[in-house]
Amino acid sequence: MRVSTSQIFNLGLDSMQKHSVDVMNFQTQISSGNKYQHASDSGLAAGLGVLVQLNKAQFDMFKVNQDHLSATYASSETQIQSINNMLLRAQQLMVQAGNDAIGTQGRSAIATELSALKVAIGQAAGALDANGTPIFKSSLHQIQAAPHIMLDSGILQTDVTSFQDSTQQSSTLDSLIGQVIDQLSGKNGSPAGPSTRQVDDMAAALRQLTQVQVKVGVLSNRLDDATQMAETQKMNVEKERSQLLDTDLAEASAGLMKSNALLSAAQSVMAKMDINTLFQKL
């Protein structure tokens, strides 16, 4: 079969065009860092890429939740420690007030200090965070900190301000301290020191607060574990995304060199054909 000059010319032209496209594609891959420029370049990569991006967005959401929970738990721990210190001081004052040797004037001074502590405890229990949201919650919900890990949104205010008294009834710090202040001030009769029951109730309130501190510690540890697990999984997702969609510079550079060489060869052949054709016409 005879191959005409026109056929050779068309084949050479097609080769030049193909290798020119290849060179441009490799150059774009290297400059942009993206293996694929359009979804049509690889349907499988496009579909998997969307899934990877969704996973990445999910881990970004986890990070927001983790930061929120971390700030909430840290604020809760700080406020609980503050309340605990004030309750310890209130307990000391109640023990002092039980000593009849301090007299009416001494009990009045203690009542004044207890009143200040009562106000300060109420302020700490109702404190707001930087966003104006109560640190201690009126109700709790679950927040996802990592895949399959849900954590409490914070600490209930009632867990901090309420406790089981010596009669196994629910009572509050505000009520207990208020009763002691009234008793020391003689509001309902002669000034008197706290009763044994009131001292026991203050000890019960401190035990309750210790349990809440332990709960915050447990939640913080679980959050740390969830954060570490999510970070590891996020790195795996990012590695998968990179392998799927990012340009392999070594592979792209080798492809560019090969395409450039083939393009130069095709151009050289076409140039010789042009010269030969010119001489034939002469």
Protein backbone atom coordinates (compact mmCIF):
# COMPACT_ATOMS: atom_id res chain seq x y z
CA MET A 1 0.00 0.00 0.00
CA ARG A 2 1.40 3.34 -1.01
CA VAL A 3 1.63 6.00 1.67
CA SER A 4 1.25 9.46 0.25
CA THR A 5 3.06 12.57 1.41
CA SER A 6 -0.28 13.98 2.50
CA GLN A 7 -0.91 11.04 4.82
CA ILE A 8 2.53 11.35 6.39
CA PHE A 9 1.98 15.07 6.81
CA ASN A 10 -1.39 14.53 8.55
CA LEU A 11 0.08 11.87 10.84
CA GLY A 12 2.91 14.21 11.78
CA LEU A 13 0.48 17.05 12.39
CA ASP A 14 -1.70 14.83 14.62
CA SER A 15 1.40 13.76 16.55
CA MET A 16 2.45 17.38 17.11
CA GLN A 17 -1.01 18.32 18.33
CA LYS A 18 -1.20 15.33 20.71
CA HIS A 19 2.21 15.96 22.24
CA SER A 20 1.49 19.70 22.49
CA VAL A 21 -1.63 18.90 24.52
CA ASP A 22 0.36 16.48 26.69
CA VAL A 23 3.03 19.13 27.34
CA MET A 24 0.38 21.69 28.31
CA ASN A 25 -1.35 19.20 30.62
CA PHE A 26 1.86 18.28 32.42
CA GLN A 27 2.83 21.94 32.73
CA THR A 28 -0.60 22.73 34.22
CA GLN A 29 -0.32 19.82 36.65
CA ILE A 30 3.08 21.00 37.85
CA SER A 31 2.10 24.66 38.17
CA SER A 32 -1.27 24.07 39.86
CA GLY A 33 -0.32 21.04 41.94
CA ASN A 34 -3.56 19.33 40.86
CA LYS A 35 -3.40 16.04 39.01
CA TYR A 36 -6.82 16.61 37.41
CA GLN A 37 -8.10 19.96 36.19
CA HIS A 38 -11.65 18.87 35.35
CA ALA A 39 -14.02 16.23 36.68
CA SER A 40 -14.12 14.73 33.18
CA ASP A 41 -10.38 13.97 33.41
CA SER A 42 -11.15 11.07 35.75
CA GLY A 43 -14.67 10.14 36.78
CA LEU A 44 -13.41 7.81 39.52
CA ALA A 45 -11.06 10.43 40.94
CA ALA A 46 -13.80 13.05 40.81
CA GLY A 47 -16.22 10.84 42.73
CA LEU A 48 -13.68 9.77 45.32
CA GLY A 49 -12.44 13.35 45.55
CA VAL A 50 -15.92 14.55 46.52
CA LEU A 51 -16.10 11.86 49.20
CA VAL A 52 -12.68 12.82 50.55
CA GLN A 53 -13.66 16.50 50.62
CA LEU A 54 -16.82 15.62 52.57
CA ASN A 55 -14.73 13.67 55.05
CA LYS A 56 -12.36 16.62 55.37
CA ALA A 57 -15.30 18.98 56.01
CA GLN A 58 -16.55 16.57 58.68
CA PHE A 59 -13.21 16.63 60.47
CA ASP A 60 -13.18 20.43 60.27
CA MET A 61 -16.56 20.34 62.05
CA PHE A 62 -15.11 18.01 64.68
CA LYS A 63 -12.29 20.53 65.27
CA VAL A 64 -14.82 23.31 65.89
CA ASN A 65 -16.71 21.07 68.32
CA GLN A 66 -13.49 20.04 70.07
CA ASP A 67 -12.41 23.65 70.56
CA HIS A 68 -15.85 24.54 71.92
CA LEU A 69 -15.88 21.61 74.36
CA SER A 70 -12.30 22.27 75.43
CA ALA A 71 -13.12 25.90 76.27
CA THR A 72 -16.33 24.85 78.06
CA TYR A 73 -14.61 22.21 80.18
CA ALA A 74 -11.71 24.52 81.02
CA SER A 75 -14.09 27.31 82.09
CA SER A 76 -16.15 24.85 84.12
CA GLU A 77 -13.07 23.52 85.88
CA THR A 78 -11.93 27.05 86.74
CA GLN A 79 -15.32 28.05 88.15
CA ILE A 80 -15.72 24.81 90.10
CA GLN A 81 -12.31 25.26 91.69
CA SER A 82 -13.27 28.81 92.66
CA ILE A 83 -16.55 27.65 94.20
CA ASN A 84 -14.74 24.83 95.99
CA ASN A 85 -12.29 27.30 97.56
CA MET A 86 -15.17 29.50 98.71
CA LEU A 87 -17.03 26.52 100.19
CA LEU A 88 -13.92 25.46 102.08
CA ARG A 89 -13.74 28.95 103.53
CA ALA A 90 -17.44 28.82 104.38
CA GLN A 91 -16.90 25.48 106.13
CA GLN A 92 -14.07 26.97 108.19
CA LEU A 93 -16.24 29.91 109.19
CA MET A 94 -19.09 27.61 110.21
CA VAL A 95 -16.76 25.62 112.44
CA GLN A 96 -15.49 28.86 114.02
CA ALA A 97 -19.05 30.10 114.50
CA GLY A 98 -19.86 26.94 116.44
CA ASN A 99 -17.46 28.03 119.17
CA ASP A 100 -19.50 29.90 121.79
CA ALA A 101 -16.36 31.74 122.88
CA ILE A 102 -16.48 34.08 119.87
CA GLY A 103 -19.70 35.65 121.10
CA THR A 104 -22.43 37.54 119.29
CA GLN A 105 -20.07 40.07 117.71
CA GLY A 106 -17.83 37.35 116.31
CA ARG A 107 -20.80 35.50 114.83
CA SER A 108 -22.06 38.73 113.27
CA ALA A 109 -18.68 39.22 111.55
CA ILE A 110 -18.78 35.65 110.29
CA ALA A 111 -22.33 36.18 109.02
CA THR A 112 -21.10 39.21 107.07
CA GLU A 113 -18.29 37.22 105.46
CA LEU A 114 -20.64 34.33 104.71
CA SER A 115 -23.01 36.77 103.01
CA ALA A 116 -20.20 37.93 100.73
CA LEU A 117 -19.28 34.31 99.96
CA LYS A 118 -22.91 33.49 99.21
CA VAL A 119 -23.04 36.29 96.63
CA ALA A 120 -19.69 35.30 95.12
CA ILE A 121 -20.71 31.63 94.84
CA GLY A 122 -23.93 32.66 93.10
CA GLN A 123 -21.97 34.80 90.65
CA ALA A 124 -19.50 31.97 89.91
CA ALA A 125 -22.35 29.49 89.38
CA GLY A 126 -24.08 31.87 86.96
CA ALA A 127 -20.94 33.12 85.16
CA LEU A 128 -20.93 33.56 81.38
CA ASP A 129 -18.23 32.64 78.91
CA ALA A 130 -16.66 34.95 76.33
CA ASN A 131 -19.67 34.45 74.03
CA GLY A 132 -22.17 35.41 76.71
CA THR A 133 -23.30 31.80 77.21
CA PRO A 134 -23.68 30.38 80.75
CA ILE A 135 -20.69 28.23 81.67
CA PHE A 136 -22.91 25.87 83.66
CA LYS A 137 -25.88 24.64 81.64
CA SER A 138 -29.57 24.45 82.48
CA SER A 139 -29.73 21.32 80.27
CA LEU A 140 -27.24 19.19 78.39
CA HIS A 141 -27.04 17.76 74.90
CA GLN A 142 -24.51 15.59 73.12
CA ILE A 143 -21.83 17.07 70.84
CA GLN A 144 -19.87 14.91 68.40
CA ALA A 145 -16.15 15.30 69.05
CA ALA A 146 -14.96 12.54 66.70
CA PRO A 147 -16.43 9.69 64.65
CA HIS A 148 -18.73 7.67 66.94
CA ILE A 149 -17.78 9.75 70.02
CA MET A 150 -20.39 12.00 71.63
CA LEU A 151 -19.63 14.10 74.71
CA ASP A 152 -21.77 16.15 77.12
CA SER A 153 -22.03 19.81 76.15
CA GLY A 154 -20.93 20.87 79.62
CA ILE A 155 -21.82 20.66 83.31
CA LEU A 156 -25.27 21.17 84.73
CA GLN A 157 -25.65 24.16 87.01
CA THR A 158 -27.73 22.07 89.41
CA ASP A 159 -24.80 19.63 89.76
CA VAL A 160 -22.72 22.52 91.08
CA THR A 161 -25.27 24.32 93.25
CA SER A 162 -27.35 21.38 94.56
CA PHE A 163 -26.58 18.40 96.81
CA GLN A 164 -28.23 15.72 98.94
CA ASP A 165 -28.46 16.95 102.53
CA SER A 166 -28.33 14.86 105.71
CA THR A 167 -32.02 13.98 105.34
CA GLN A 168 -31.43 12.72 101.77
CA GLN A 169 -33.40 15.63 100.41
CA SER A 170 -32.24 17.89 97.60
CA SER A 171 -30.91 21.20 98.85
CA THR A 172 -28.93 24.12 97.45
CA LEU A 173 -25.82 25.99 98.52
CA ASP A 174 -27.77 29.23 98.50
CA SER A 175 -30.36 27.81 100.90
CA LEU A 176 -27.80 26.23 103.23
CA ILE A 177 -25.58 29.30 103.53
CA GLY A 178 -28.65 31.53 103.84
CA GLN A 179 -29.94 29.47 106.78
CA VAL A 180 -26.58 29.67 108.55
CA ILE A 181 -26.41 33.44 108.02
CA ASP A 182 -29.92 33.90 109.48
CA GLN A 183 -28.99 31.73 112.46
CA LEU A 184 -25.76 33.62 113.13
CA SER A 185 -27.54 36.96 112.80
CA GLY A 186 -30.35 35.93 115.14
CA LYS A 187 -32.97 36.69 112.53
CA ASN A 188 -35.44 34.26 114.06
CA GLY A 189 -34.29 34.56 117.67
CA SER A 190 -31.03 34.71 119.57
CA PRO A 191 -27.82 34.42 117.48
CA ALA A 192 -26.54 30.86 117.50
CA GLY A 193 -23.84 28.83 115.81
CA PRO A 194 -24.52 26.38 112.99
CA SER A 195 -26.11 23.09 113.90
CA THR A 196 -24.36 19.75 113.44
CA ARG A 197 -26.74 19.03 110.58
CA GLN A 198 -25.73 22.24 108.80
CA VAL A 199 -22.03 21.42 109.21
CA ASP A 200 -22.69 17.93 107.82
CA ASP A 201 -24.64 19.42 104.92
CA MET A 202 -21.71 21.69 104.04
CA ALA A 203 -19.46 18.61 103.99
CA ALA A 204 -21.99 16.88 101.71
CA ALA A 205 -21.98 19.90 99.39
CA LEU A 206 -18.18 19.76 99.16
CA ARG A 207 -18.30 16.03 98.36
CA GLN A 208 -20.82 16.72 95.61
CA LEU A 209 -18.55 19.40 94.16
CA THR A 210 -15.61 17.00 94.24
CA GLN A 211 -17.66 14.51 92.21
CA VAL A 212 -18.37 17.23 89.65
CA GLN A 213 -14.65 18.01 89.45
CA VAL A 214 -13.97 14.34 88.75
CA LYS A 215 -16.64 14.38 86.04
CA VAL A 216 -15.01 17.37 84.34
CA GLY A 217 -11.65 15.56 84.46
CA VAL A 218 -13.16 12.45 82.87
CA LEU A 219 -14.80 14.52 80.14
CA SER A 220 -11.55 16.36 79.46
CA ASN A 221 -9.63 13.09 79.16
CA ARG A 222 -12.23 11.66 76.80
CA LEU A 223 -12.03 14.86 74.73
CA ASP A 224 -8.24 14.57 74.53
CA ASP A 225 -8.55 10.97 73.31
CA ALA A 226 -11.23 11.96 70.78
CA THR A 227 -9.10 14.86 69.53
CA GLN A 228 -6.07 12.63 69.04
CA MET A 229 -8.12 9.97 67.25
CA ALA A 230 -9.80 12.53 64.98
CA GLU A 231 -6.43 14.13 64.17
CA THR A 232 -5.00 10.75 63.15
CA GLN A 233 -7.99 9.98 60.95
CA LYS A 234 -7.85 13.47 59.45
CA MET A 235 -4.20 12.94 58.52
CA ASN A 236 -5.14 9.67 56.83
CA VAL A 237 -7.92 11.42 54.89
CA GLU A 238 -5.53 14.20 53.86
CA LYS A 239 -2.96 11.62 52.74
CA GLU A 240 -5.64 9.83 50.71
CA ARG A 241 -6.74 13.13 49.19
CA SER A 242 -3.17 14.04 48.31
CA GLN A 243 -2.45 10.68 46.68
CA LEU A 244 -5.69 10.90 44.72
CA LEU A 245 -5.73 14.52 43.57
CA ASP A 246 -2.30 16.11 44.02
CA THR A 247 0.30 16.11 41.30
CA ASP A 248 3.14 13.60 41.58
CA LEU A 249 5.95 16.00 40.66
CA ALA A 250 8.40 13.25 39.73
CA GLU A 251 5.87 11.52 37.48
CA ALA A 252 4.66 14.79 35.94
CA SER A 253 8.23 16.04 35.33
CA ALA A 254 9.17 12.76 33.64
CA GLY A 255 6.01 12.94 31.52
CA LEU A 256 6.77 16.54 30.56
CA MET A 257 10.31 15.65 29.47
CA LYS A 258 9.05 12.71 27.41
CA SER A 259 6.27 14.76 25.78
CA ASN A 260 8.68 17.61 25.02
CA ALA A 261 11.09 15.14 23.39
CA LEU A 262 8.34 13.58 21.27
CA LEU A 263 7.01 17.01 20.34
CA SER A 264 10.49 18.13 19.25
CA ALA A 265 10.90 14.98 17.16
CA ALA A 266 7.53 15.51 15.50
CA GLN A 267 8.38 19.14 14.79
CA SER A 268 11.71 18.10 13.30
CA VAL A 269 10.03 15.57 10.98
CA MET A 270 7.47 18.16 9.91
CA ALA A 271 10.20 20.69 9.18
CA LYS A 272 12.05 18.19 6.96
CA MET A 273 8.84 17.35 5.13
CA ASP A 274 8.28 21.04 4.43
CA ILE A 275 11.82 21.34 2.98
CA ASN A 276 11.49 18.21 0.85
CA THR A 277 8.12 19.34 -0.45
CA LEU A 278 9.60 22.73 -1.39
CA PHE A 279 12.47 21.12 -3.37
CA GLN A 280 10.03 18.79 -5.10
CA LYS A 281 8.01 21.78 -6.22
CA LEU A 282 11.14 23.44 -7.63
